[in-house]
Amino acid sequence: ALLGVALPVPIFDRNQGNILAAQRRVDQARDAARAAEIRL
């Protein structure tokens, strides 16, 4: 019988760059929403 388990260890890459970029895009979307409200 064969049984295996594989689990990567998140030591170096914890997706921190993509998380930070997504948070900055949230701020960008909020600014765009305020600008759209003023423009309308």
PDB file of all heavy atoms in Angstrom:
ATOM      1  N   ALA A   1       0.849  -1.203   0.000  1.00  0.00           N
ATOM      2  CA  ALA A   1       0.000   0.000   0.000  1.00  0.00           C
ATOM      3  C   ALA A   1       0.878   1.243   0.000  1.00  0.00           C
ATOM      4  O   ALA A   1       1.998   1.242   0.537  1.00  0.00           O
ATOM      5  CB  ALA A   1      -0.927   0.007   1.199  1.00  0.00           C
ATOM      6  N   LEU A   2       0.339   2.306  -0.616  1.00  0.00           N
ATOM      7  CA  LEU A   2       1.098   3.548  -0.747  1.00  0.00           C
ATOM      8  C   LEU A   2       0.267   4.691  -0.165  1.00  0.00           C
ATOM      9  O   LEU A   2      -0.893   4.873  -0.515  1.00  0.00           O
ATOM     10  CB  LEU A   2       1.414   3.839  -2.230  1.00  0.00           C
ATOM     11  CG  LEU A   2       2.168   5.132  -2.536  1.00  0.00           C
ATOM     12  CD1 LEU A   2       3.575   5.067  -1.955  1.00  0.00           C
ATOM     13  CD2 LEU A   2       2.231   5.378  -4.034  1.00  0.00           C
ATOM     14  N   LEU A   3       0.848   5.446   0.705  1.00  0.00           N
ATOM     15  CA  LEU A   3       0.195   6.601   1.317  1.00  0.00           C
ATOM     16  C   LEU A   3       1.215   7.721   1.426  1.00  0.00           C
ATOM     17  O   LEU A   3       2.315   7.515   1.955  1.00  0.00           O
ATOM     18  CB  LEU A   3      -0.359   6.244   2.704  1.00  0.00           C
ATOM     19  CG  LEU A   3      -0.986   7.411   3.482  1.00  0.00           C
ATOM     20  CD1 LEU A   3      -2.198   7.962   2.748  1.00  0.00           C
ATOM     21  CD2 LEU A   3      -1.362   6.952   4.894  1.00  0.00           C
ATOM     22  N   GLY A   4       0.855   8.907   0.887  1.00  0.00           N
ATOM     23  CA  GLY A   4       1.792  10.029   0.906  1.00  0.00           C
ATOM     24  C   GLY A   4       1.083  11.335   1.228  1.00  0.00           C
ATOM     25  O   GLY A   4      -0.085  11.523   0.894  1.00  0.00           O
ATOM     26  N   VAL A   5       1.802  12.213   1.858  1.00  0.00           N
ATOM     27  CA  VAL A   5       1.311  13.549   2.198  1.00  0.00           C
ATOM     28  C   VAL A   5       2.411  14.544   1.884  1.00  0.00           C
ATOM     29  O   VAL A   5       3.565  14.338   2.281  1.00  0.00           O
ATOM     30  CB  VAL A   5       0.905  13.648   3.682  1.00  0.00           C
ATOM     31  CG1 VAL A   5       0.476  15.071   4.018  1.00  0.00           C
ATOM     32  CG2 VAL A   5      -0.218  12.678   3.991  1.00  0.00           C
ATOM     33  N   ALA A   6       2.053  15.628   1.141  1.00  0.00           N
ATOM     34  CA  ALA A   6       3.016  16.675   0.794  1.00  0.00           C
ATOM     35  C   ALA A   6       2.437  18.021   1.194  1.00  0.00           C
ATOM     36  O   ALA A   6       1.297  18.343   0.866  1.00  0.00           O
ATOM     37  CB  ALA A   6       3.326  16.650  -0.701  1.00  0.00           C
ATOM     38  N   LEU A   7       3.214  18.815   1.904  1.00  0.00           N
ATOM     39  CA  LEU A   7       2.779  20.133   2.360  1.00  0.00           C
ATOM     40  C   LEU A   7       3.961  21.089   2.268  1.00  0.00           C
ATOM     41  O   LEU A   7       4.931  20.946   3.020  1.00  0.00           O
ATOM     42  CB  LEU A   7       2.256  20.074   3.798  1.00  0.00           C
ATOM     43  CG  LEU A   7       1.727  21.396   4.364  1.00  0.00           C
ATOM     44  CD1 LEU A   7       0.479  21.821   3.592  1.00  0.00           C
ATOM     45  CD2 LEU A   7       1.423  21.251   5.853  1.00  0.00           C
ATOM     46  N   PRO A   8       3.925  22.066   1.351  1.00  0.00           N
ATOM     47  CA  PRO A   8       5.017  23.048   1.278  1.00  0.00           C
ATOM     48  C   PRO A   8       5.117  23.866   2.567  1.00  0.00           C
ATOM     49  O   PRO A   8       4.114  24.128   3.244  1.00  0.00           O
ATOM     50  CB  PRO A   8       4.625  23.938   0.087  1.00  0.00           C
ATOM     51  CG  PRO A   8       3.660  23.121  -0.704  1.00  0.00           C
ATOM     52  CD  PRO A   8       2.926  22.269   0.292  1.00  0.00           C
ATOM     53  N   VAL A   9       6.312  24.263   2.881  1.00  0.00           N
ATOM     54  CA  VAL A   9       6.571  25.056   4.088  1.00  0.00           C
ATOM     55  C   VAL A   9       6.748  26.514   3.674  1.00  0.00           C
ATOM     56  O   VAL A   9       7.725  26.861   2.999  1.00  0.00           O
ATOM     57  CB  VAL A   9       7.822  24.543   4.829  1.00  0.00           C
ATOM     58  CG1 VAL A   9       8.057  25.364   6.094  1.00  0.00           C
ATOM     59  CG2 VAL A   9       7.665  23.065   5.169  1.00  0.00           C
ATOM     60  N   PRO A  10       5.798  27.417   4.032  1.00  0.00           N
ATOM     61  CA  PRO A  10       5.880  28.826   3.603  1.00  0.00           C
ATOM     62  C   PRO A  10       6.886  29.620   4.445  1.00  0.00           C
ATOM     63  O   PRO A  10       6.507  30.343   5.386  1.00  0.00           O
ATOM     64  CB  PRO A  10       4.454  29.323   3.792  1.00  0.00           C
ATOM     65  CG  PRO A  10       3.916  28.484   4.894  1.00  0.00           C
ATOM     66  CD  PRO A  10       4.564  27.139   4.787  1.00  0.00           C
ATOM     67  N   ILE A  11       8.151  29.508   4.102  1.00  0.00           N
ATOM     68  CA  ILE A  11       9.194  30.230   4.837  1.00  0.00           C
ATOM     69  C   ILE A  11       9.542  31.535   4.128  1.00  0.00           C
ATOM     70  O   ILE A  11       9.549  32.607   4.725  1.00  0.00           O
ATOM     71  CB  ILE A  11      10.444  29.342   4.995  1.00  0.00           C
ATOM     72  CG1 ILE A  11      10.085  28.104   5.829  1.00  0.00           C
ATOM     73  CG2 ILE A  11      11.574  30.136   5.642  1.00  0.00           C
ATOM     74  CD1 ILE A  11      11.244  27.157   5.999  1.00  0.00           C
ATOM     75  N   PHE A  12       9.818  31.446   2.828  1.00  0.00           N
ATOM     76  CA  PHE A  12      10.246  32.629   2.074  1.00  0.00           C
ATOM     77  C   PHE A  12       9.068  33.303   1.359  1.00  0.00           C
ATOM     78  O   PHE A  12       8.874  34.510   1.472  1.00  0.00           O
ATOM     79  CB  PHE A  12      11.324  32.237   1.065  1.00  0.00           C
ATOM     80  CG  PHE A  12      12.496  31.529   1.685  1.00  0.00           C
ATOM     81  CD1 PHE A  12      12.660  30.160   1.530  1.00  0.00           C
ATOM     82  CD2 PHE A  12      13.426  32.230   2.445  1.00  0.00           C
ATOM     83  CE1 PHE A  12      13.736  29.502   2.100  1.00  0.00           C
ATOM     84  CE2 PHE A  12      14.501  31.577   3.024  1.00  0.00           C
ATOM     85  CZ  PHE A  12      14.663  30.206   2.860  1.00  0.00           C
ATOM     86  N   ASP A  13       8.315  32.524   0.635  1.00  0.00           N
ATOM     87  CA  ASP A  13       7.210  33.070  -0.159  1.00  0.00           C
ATOM     88  C   ASP A  13       5.903  32.865   0.601  1.00  0.00           C
ATOM     89  O   ASP A  13       5.405  31.746   0.715  1.00  0.00           O
ATOM     90  CB  ASP A  13       7.150  32.382  -1.528  1.00  0.00           C
ATOM     91  CG  ASP A  13       6.058  32.969  -2.416  1.00  0.00           C
ATOM     92  OD1 ASP A  13       5.434  33.964  -2.004  1.00  0.00           O
ATOM     93  OD2 ASP A  13       5.831  32.433  -3.517  1.00  0.00           O
ATOM     94  N   ARG A  14       5.382  33.959   1.133  1.00  0.00           N
ATOM     95  CA  ARG A  14       4.085  33.933   1.804  1.00  0.00           C
ATOM     96  C   ARG A  14       3.082  34.826   1.066  1.00  0.00           C
ATOM     97  O   ARG A  14       2.119  35.295   1.662  1.00  0.00           O
ATOM     98  CB  ARG A  14       4.236  34.386   3.264  1.00  0.00           C
ATOM     99  CG  ARG A  14       5.122  33.485   4.100  1.00  0.00           C
ATOM    100  CD  ARG A  14       5.155  33.920   5.548  1.00  0.00           C
ATOM    101  NE  ARG A  14       5.629  35.295   5.699  1.00  0.00           N
ATOM    102  CZ  ARG A  14       6.920  35.644   5.738  1.00  0.00           C
ATOM    103  NH1 ARG A  14       7.861  34.710   5.635  1.00  0.00           N
ATOM    104  NH2 ARG A  14       7.258  36.912   5.889  1.00  0.00           N
ATOM    105  N   ASN A  15       3.337  35.047  -0.190  1.00  0.00           N
ATOM    106  CA  ASN A  15       2.462  35.843  -1.065  1.00  0.00           C
ATOM    107  C   ASN A  15       2.322  37.279  -0.573  1.00  0.00           C
ATOM    108  O   ASN A  15       1.329  37.958  -0.849  1.00  0.00           O
ATOM    109  CB  ASN A  15       1.075  35.200  -1.173  1.00  0.00           C
ATOM    110  CG  ASN A  15       0.354  35.584  -2.454  1.00  0.00           C
ATOM    111  OD1 ASN A  15       0.975  35.707  -3.511  1.00  0.00           O
ATOM    112  ND2 ASN A  15      -0.944  35.771  -2.383  1.00  0.00           N
ATOM    113  N   GLN A  16       3.328  37.755   0.140  1.00  0.00           N
ATOM    114  CA  GLN A  16       3.232  39.088   0.724  1.00  0.00           C
ATOM    115  C   GLN A  16       3.234  40.195  -0.331  1.00  0.00           C
ATOM    116  O   GLN A  16       2.574  41.244  -0.155  1.00  0.00           O
ATOM    117  CB  GLN A  16       4.366  39.315   1.740  1.00  0.00           C
ATOM    118  CG  GLN A  16       5.771  39.105   1.183  1.00  0.00           C
ATOM    119  CD  GLN A  16       6.264  37.690   1.425  1.00  0.00           C
ATOM    120  OE1 GLN A  16       5.497  36.739   1.308  1.00  0.00           O
ATOM    121  NE2 GLN A  16       7.542  37.552   1.757  1.00  0.00           N
ATOM    122  N   GLY A  17       3.936  39.995  -1.438  1.00  0.00           N
ATOM    123  CA  GLY A  17       3.957  41.022  -2.484  1.00  0.00           C
ATOM    124  C   GLY A  17       2.600  41.198  -3.151  1.00  0.00           C
ATOM    125  O   GLY A  17       2.133  42.327  -3.361  1.00  0.00           O
ATOM    126  N   ASN A  18       1.940  40.099  -3.467  1.00  0.00           N
ATOM    127  CA  ASN A  18       0.621  40.179  -4.095  1.00  0.00           C
ATOM    128  C   ASN A  18      -0.422  40.755  -3.132  1.00  0.00           C
ATOM    129  O   ASN A  18      -1.343  41.477  -3.551  1.00  0.00           O
ATOM    130  CB  ASN A  18       0.182  38.798  -4.572  1.00  0.00           C
ATOM    131  CG  ASN A  18       1.018  38.312  -5.738  1.00  0.00           C
ATOM    132  OD1 ASN A  18       1.538  39.118  -6.519  1.00  0.00           O
ATOM    133  ND2 ASN A  18       1.156  37.003  -5.870  1.00  0.00           N
ATOM    134  N   ILE A  19      -0.297  40.437  -1.842  1.00  0.00           N
ATOM    135  CA  ILE A  19      -1.231  40.988  -0.855  1.00  0.00           C
ATOM    136  C   ILE A  19      -1.076  42.504  -0.771  1.00  0.00           C
ATOM    137  O   ILE A  19      -2.064  43.252  -0.760  1.00  0.00           O
ATOM    138  CB  ILE A  19      -1.006  40.334   0.525  1.00  0.00           C
ATOM    139  CG1 ILE A  19      -1.371  38.844   0.470  1.00  0.00           C
ATOM    140  CG2 ILE A  19      -1.826  41.039   1.600  1.00  0.00           C
ATOM    141  CD1 ILE A  19      -1.056  38.101   1.748  1.00  0.00           C
ATOM    142  N   LEU A  20       0.166  42.979  -0.734  1.00  0.00           N
ATOM    143  CA  LEU A  20       0.398  44.420  -0.657  1.00  0.00           C
ATOM    144  C   LEU A  20      -0.107  45.127  -1.920  1.00  0.00           C
ATOM    145  O   LEU A  20      -0.717  46.205  -1.833  1.00  0.00           O
ATOM    146  CB  LEU A  20       1.896  44.685  -0.453  1.00  0.00           C
ATOM    147  CG  LEU A  20       2.304  46.151  -0.277  1.00  0.00           C
ATOM    148  CD1 LEU A  20       1.610  46.747   0.940  1.00  0.00           C
ATOM    149  CD2 LEU A  20       3.820  46.276  -0.154  1.00  0.00           C
ATOM    150  N   ALA A  21       0.122  44.529  -3.084  1.00  0.00           N
ATOM    151  CA  ALA A  21      -0.361  45.131  -4.332  1.00  0.00           C
ATOM    152  C   ALA A  21      -1.885  45.197  -4.353  1.00  0.00           C
ATOM    153  O   ALA A  21      -2.476  46.193  -4.793  1.00  0.00           O
ATOM    154  CB  ALA A  21       0.161  44.338  -5.528  1.00  0.00           C
ATOM    155  N   ALA A  22      -2.549  44.143  -3.879  1.00  0.00           N
ATOM    156  CA  ALA A  22      -4.017  44.141  -3.842  1.00  0.00           C
ATOM    157  C   ALA A  22      -4.551  45.211  -2.890  1.00  0.00           C
ATOM    158  O   ALA A  22      -5.563  45.860  -3.170  1.00  0.00           O
ATOM    159  CB  ALA A  22      -4.527  42.756  -3.439  1.00  0.00           C
ATOM    160  N   GLN A  23      -3.865  45.413  -1.755  1.00  0.00           N
ATOM    161  CA  GLN A  23      -4.308  46.457  -0.820  1.00  0.00           C
ATOM    162  C   GLN A  23      -4.152  47.845  -1.427  1.00  0.00           C
ATOM    163  O   GLN A  23      -4.996  48.721  -1.231  1.00  0.00           O
ATOM    164  CB  GLN A  23      -3.508  46.346   0.478  1.00  0.00           C
ATOM    165  CG  GLN A  23      -3.840  45.098   1.294  1.00  0.00           C
ATOM    166  CD  GLN A  23      -2.915  44.920   2.477  1.00  0.00           C
ATOM    167  OE1 GLN A  23      -1.840  45.534   2.549  1.00  0.00           O
ATOM    168  NE2 GLN A  23      -3.307  44.077   3.422  1.00  0.00           N
ATOM    169  N   ARG A  24      -3.069  48.062  -2.167  1.00  0.00           N
ATOM    170  CA  ARG A  24      -2.883  49.365  -2.814  1.00  0.00           C
ATOM    171  C   ARG A  24      -3.945  49.602  -3.888  1.00  0.00           C
ATOM    172  O   ARG A  24      -4.398  50.745  -4.086  1.00  0.00           O
ATOM    173  CB  ARG A  24      -1.487  49.444  -3.418  1.00  0.00           C
ATOM    174  CG  ARG A  24      -0.384  49.437  -2.393  1.00  0.00           C
ATOM    175  CD  ARG A  24      -0.477  50.644  -1.483  1.00  0.00           C
ATOM    176  NE  ARG A  24       0.499  50.586  -0.396  1.00  0.00           N
ATOM    177  CZ  ARG A  24       0.278  50.113   0.820  1.00  0.00           C
ATOM    178  NH1 ARG A  24      -0.936  49.637   1.122  1.00  0.00           N
ATOM    179  NH2 ARG A  24       1.208  50.120   1.731  1.00  0.00           N
ATOM    180  N   ARG A  25      -4.354  48.564  -4.556  1.00  0.00           N
ATOM    181  CA  ARG A  25      -5.404  48.711  -5.570  1.00  0.00           C
ATOM    182  C   ARG A  25      -6.770  48.988  -4.923  1.00  0.00           C
ATOM    183  O   ARG A  25      -7.631  49.600  -5.549  1.00  0.00           O
ATOM    184  CB  ARG A  25      -5.455  47.475  -6.449  1.00  0.00           C
ATOM    185  CG  ARG A  25      -4.252  47.354  -7.384  1.00  0.00           C
ATOM    186  CD  ARG A  25      -4.470  46.336  -8.475  1.00  0.00           C
ATOM    187  NE  ARG A  25      -3.360  46.349  -9.405  1.00  0.00           N
ATOM    188  CZ  ARG A  25      -2.305  45.526  -9.344  1.00  0.00           C
ATOM    189  NH1 ARG A  25      -2.242  44.611  -8.384  1.00  0.00           N
ATOM    190  NH2 ARG A  25      -1.332  45.616 -10.229  1.00  0.00           N
ATOM    191  N   VAL A  26      -6.968  48.532  -3.700  1.00  0.00           N
ATOM    192  CA  VAL A  26      -8.190  48.905  -2.977  1.00  0.00           C
ATOM    193  C   VAL A  26      -8.205  50.401  -2.714  1.00  0.00           C
ATOM    194  O   VAL A  26      -9.223  51.082  -2.914  1.00  0.00           O
ATOM    195  CB  VAL A  26      -8.299  48.111  -1.663  1.00  0.00           C
ATOM    196  CG1 VAL A  26      -9.422  48.659  -0.795  1.00  0.00           C
ATOM    197  CG2 VAL A  26      -8.554  46.645  -1.952  1.00  0.00           C
ATOM    198  N   ASP A  27      -7.075  50.941  -2.279  1.00  0.00           N
ATOM    199  CA  ASP A  27      -6.982  52.388  -2.072  1.00  0.00           C
ATOM    200  C   ASP A  27      -7.208  53.146  -3.379  1.00  0.00           C
ATOM    201  O   ASP A  27      -7.873  54.194  -3.398  1.00  0.00           O
ATOM    202  CB  ASP A  27      -5.614  52.735  -1.491  1.00  0.00           C
ATOM    203  CG  ASP A  27      -5.381  52.087  -0.131  1.00  0.00           C
ATOM    204  OD1 ASP A  27      -6.378  51.796   0.564  1.00  0.00           O
ATOM    205  OD2 ASP A  27      -4.209  51.867   0.232  1.00  0.00           O
ATOM    206  N   GLN A  28      -6.666  52.611  -4.451  1.00  0.00           N
ATOM    207  CA  GLN A  28      -6.863  53.240  -5.757  1.00  0.00           C
ATOM    208  C   GLN A  28      -8.341  53.242  -6.146  1.00  0.00           C
ATOM    209  O   GLN A  28      -8.863  54.234  -6.663  1.00  0.00           O
ATOM    210  CB  GLN A  28      -6.046  52.510  -6.822  1.00  0.00           C
ATOM    211  CG  GLN A  28      -6.200  53.075  -8.214  1.00  0.00           C
ATOM    212  CD  GLN A  28      -5.555  52.184  -9.258  1.00  0.00           C
ATOM    213  OE1 GLN A  28      -5.385  50.980  -9.045  1.00  0.00           O
ATOM    214  NE2 GLN A  28      -5.186  52.754 -10.385  1.00  0.00           N
ATOM    215  N   ALA A  29      -9.039  52.132  -5.906  1.00  0.00           N
ATOM    216  CA  ALA A  29     -10.457  52.049  -6.243  1.00  0.00           C
ATOM    217  C   ALA A  29     -11.278  53.012  -5.400  1.00  0.00           C
ATOM    218  O   ALA A  29     -12.247  53.614  -5.889  1.00  0.00           O
ATOM    219  CB  ALA A  29     -10.955  50.618  -6.055  1.00  0.00           C
ATOM    220  N   ARG A  30     -10.920  53.202  -4.134  1.00  0.00           N
ATOM    221  CA  ARG A  30     -11.641  54.166  -3.292  1.00  0.00           C
ATOM    222  C   ARG A  30     -11.450  55.591  -3.814  1.00  0.00           C
ATOM    223  O   ARG A  30     -12.403  56.382  -3.852  1.00  0.00           O
ATOM    224  CB  ARG A  30     -11.155  54.060  -1.851  1.00  0.00           C
ATOM    225  CG  ARG A  30     -11.596  52.779  -1.139  1.00  0.00           C
ATOM    226  CD  ARG A  30     -11.460  52.933   0.359  1.00  0.00           C
ATOM    227  NE  ARG A  30     -11.905  51.726   1.058  1.00  0.00           N
ATOM    228  CZ  ARG A  30     -11.106  50.780   1.510  1.00  0.00           C
ATOM    229  NH1 ARG A  30      -9.787  50.896   1.346  1.00  0.00           N
ATOM    230  NH2 ARG A  30     -11.581  49.700   2.124  1.00  0.00           N
ATOM    231  N   ASP A  31     -10.231  55.930  -4.195  1.00  0.00           N
ATOM    232  CA  ASP A  31      -9.996  57.264  -4.766  1.00  0.00           C
ATOM    233  C   ASP A  31     -10.788  57.456  -6.054  1.00  0.00           C
ATOM    234  O   ASP A  31     -11.360  58.530  -6.296  1.00  0.00           O
ATOM    235  CB  ASP A  31      -8.505  57.464  -5.029  1.00  0.00           C
ATOM    236  CG  ASP A  31      -7.697  57.502  -3.733  1.00  0.00           C
ATOM    237  OD1 ASP A  31      -8.296  57.778  -2.673  1.00  0.00           O
ATOM    238  OD2 ASP A  31      -6.479  57.242  -3.785  1.00  0.00           O
ATOM    239  N   ALA A  32     -10.819  56.422  -6.892  1.00  0.00           N
ATOM    240  CA  ALA A  32     -11.579  56.519  -8.145  1.00  0.00           C
ATOM    241  C   ALA A  32     -13.070  56.673  -7.883  1.00  0.00           C
ATOM    242  O   ALA A  32     -13.764  57.397  -8.608  1.00  0.00           O
ATOM    243  CB  ALA A  32     -11.311  55.282  -9.000  1.00  0.00           C
ATOM    244  N   ALA A  33     -13.586  56.015  -6.841  1.00  0.00           N
ATOM    245  CA  ALA A  33     -15.009  56.148  -6.508  1.00  0.00           C
ATOM    246  C   ALA A  33     -15.329  57.559  -6.046  1.00  0.00           C
ATOM    247  O   ALA A  33     -16.362  58.131  -6.419  1.00  0.00           O
ATOM    248  CB  ALA A  33     -15.388  55.124  -5.435  1.00  0.00           C
ATOM    249  N   ARG A  34     -14.465  58.140  -5.231  1.00  0.00           N
ATOM    250  CA  ARG A  34     -14.698  59.525  -4.807  1.00  0.00           C
ATOM    251  C   ARG A  34     -14.635  60.483  -5.988  1.00  0.00           C
ATOM    252  O   ARG A  34     -15.443  61.416  -6.097  1.00  0.00           O
ATOM    253  CB  ARG A  34     -13.677  59.917  -3.741  1.00  0.00           C
ATOM    254  CG  ARG A  34     -13.918  59.278  -2.386  1.00  0.00           C
ATOM    255  CD  ARG A  34     -13.113  59.953  -1.303  1.00  0.00           C
ATOM    256  NE  ARG A  34     -11.674  59.737  -1.507  1.00  0.00           N
ATOM    257  CZ  ARG A  34     -10.979  58.742  -0.970  1.00  0.00           C
ATOM    258  NH1 ARG A  34     -11.584  57.854  -0.203  1.00  0.00           N
ATOM    259  NH2 ARG A  34      -9.685  58.623  -1.194  1.00  0.00           N
ATOM    260  N   ALA A  35     -13.671  60.269  -6.875  1.00  0.00           N
ATOM    261  CA  ALA A  35     -13.568  61.120  -8.059  1.00  0.00           C
ATOM    262  C   ALA A  35     -14.796  60.981  -8.953  1.00  0.00           C
ATOM    263  O   ALA A  35     -15.294  61.970  -9.513  1.00  0.00           O
ATOM    264  CB  ALA A  35     -12.298  60.776  -8.847  1.00  0.00           C
ATOM    265  N   ALA A  36     -15.311  59.754  -9.088  1.00  0.00           N
ATOM    266  CA  ALA A  36     -16.509  59.538  -9.904  1.00  0.00           C
ATOM    267  C   ALA A  36     -17.722  60.238  -9.302  1.00  0.00           C
ATOM    268  O   ALA A  36     -18.543  60.816 -10.026  1.00  0.00           O
ATOM    269  CB  ALA A  36     -16.776  58.040 -10.052  1.00  0.00           C
ATOM    270  N   GLU A  37     -17.835  60.216  -7.970  1.00  0.00           N
ATOM    271  CA  GLU A  37     -18.972  60.891  -7.328  1.00  0.00           C
ATOM    272  C   GLU A  37     -18.908  62.397  -7.546  1.00  0.00           C
ATOM    273  O   GLU A  37     -19.916  63.048  -7.868  1.00  0.00           O
ATOM    274  CB  GLU A  37     -18.984  60.566  -5.838  1.00  0.00           C
ATOM    275  CG  GLU A  37     -20.187  61.123  -5.108  1.00  0.00           C
ATOM    276  CD  GLU A  37     -20.235  60.668  -3.660  1.00  0.00           C
ATOM    277  OE1 GLU A  37     -19.286  59.971  -3.227  1.00  0.00           O
ATOM    278  OE2 GLU A  37     -21.216  60.998  -2.973  1.00  0.00           O
ATOM    279  N   ILE A  38     -17.708  62.984  -7.395  1.00  0.00           N
ATOM    280  CA  ILE A  38     -17.556  64.428  -7.617  1.00  0.00           C
ATOM    281  C   ILE A  38     -17.856  64.776  -9.068  1.00  0.00           C
ATOM    282  O   ILE A  38     -18.545  65.764  -9.369  1.00  0.00           O
ATOM    283  CB  ILE A  38     -16.133  64.861  -7.224  1.00  0.00           C
ATOM    284  CG1 ILE A  38     -15.921  64.672  -5.725  1.00  0.00           C
ATOM    285  CG2 ILE A  38     -15.889  66.310  -7.623  1.00  0.00           C
ATOM    286  CD1 ILE A  38     -14.496  64.908  -5.261  1.00  0.00           C
ATOM    287  N   ARG A  39     -17.354  63.957  -9.985  1.00  0.00           N
ATOM    288  CA  ARG A  39     -17.552  64.223 -11.408  1.00  0.00           C
ATOM    289  C   ARG A  39     -19.030  64.120 -11.795  1.00  0.00           C
ATOM    290  O   ARG A  39     -19.544  64.959 -12.546  1.00  0.00           O
ATOM    291  CB  ARG A  39     -16.719  63.243 -12.227  1.00  0.00           C
ATOM    292  CG  ARG A  39     -16.748  63.478 -13.715  1.00  0.00           C
ATOM    293  CD  ARG A  39     -15.746  62.610 -14.430  1.00  0.00           C
ATOM    294  NE  ARG A  39     -15.954  61.197 -14.172  1.00  0.00           N
ATOM    295  CZ  ARG A  39     -15.174  60.448 -13.393  1.00  0.00           C
ATOM    296  NH1 ARG A  39     -14.125  60.991 -12.781  1.00  0.00           N
ATOM    297  NH2 ARG A  39     -15.424  59.173 -13.211  1.00  0.00           N
ATOM    298  N   LEU A  40     -19.732  63.133 -11.268  1.00  0.00           N
ATOM    299  CA  LEU A  40     -21.145  62.968 -11.606  1.00  0.00           C
ATOM    300  C   LEU A  40     -21.999  64.084 -11.008  1.00  0.00           C
ATOM    301  O   LEU A  40     -22.951  64.548 -11.645  1.00  0.00           O
ATOM    302  CB  LEU A  40     -21.638  61.600 -11.122  1.00  0.00           C
ATOM    303  CG  LEU A  40     -21.145  60.399 -11.933  1.00  0.00           C
ATOM    304  CD1 LEU A  40     -21.628  59.102 -11.297  1.00  0.00           C
ATOM    305  CD2 LEU A  40     -21.619  60.485 -13.371  1.00  0.00           C
TER     306      LEU A  40
END
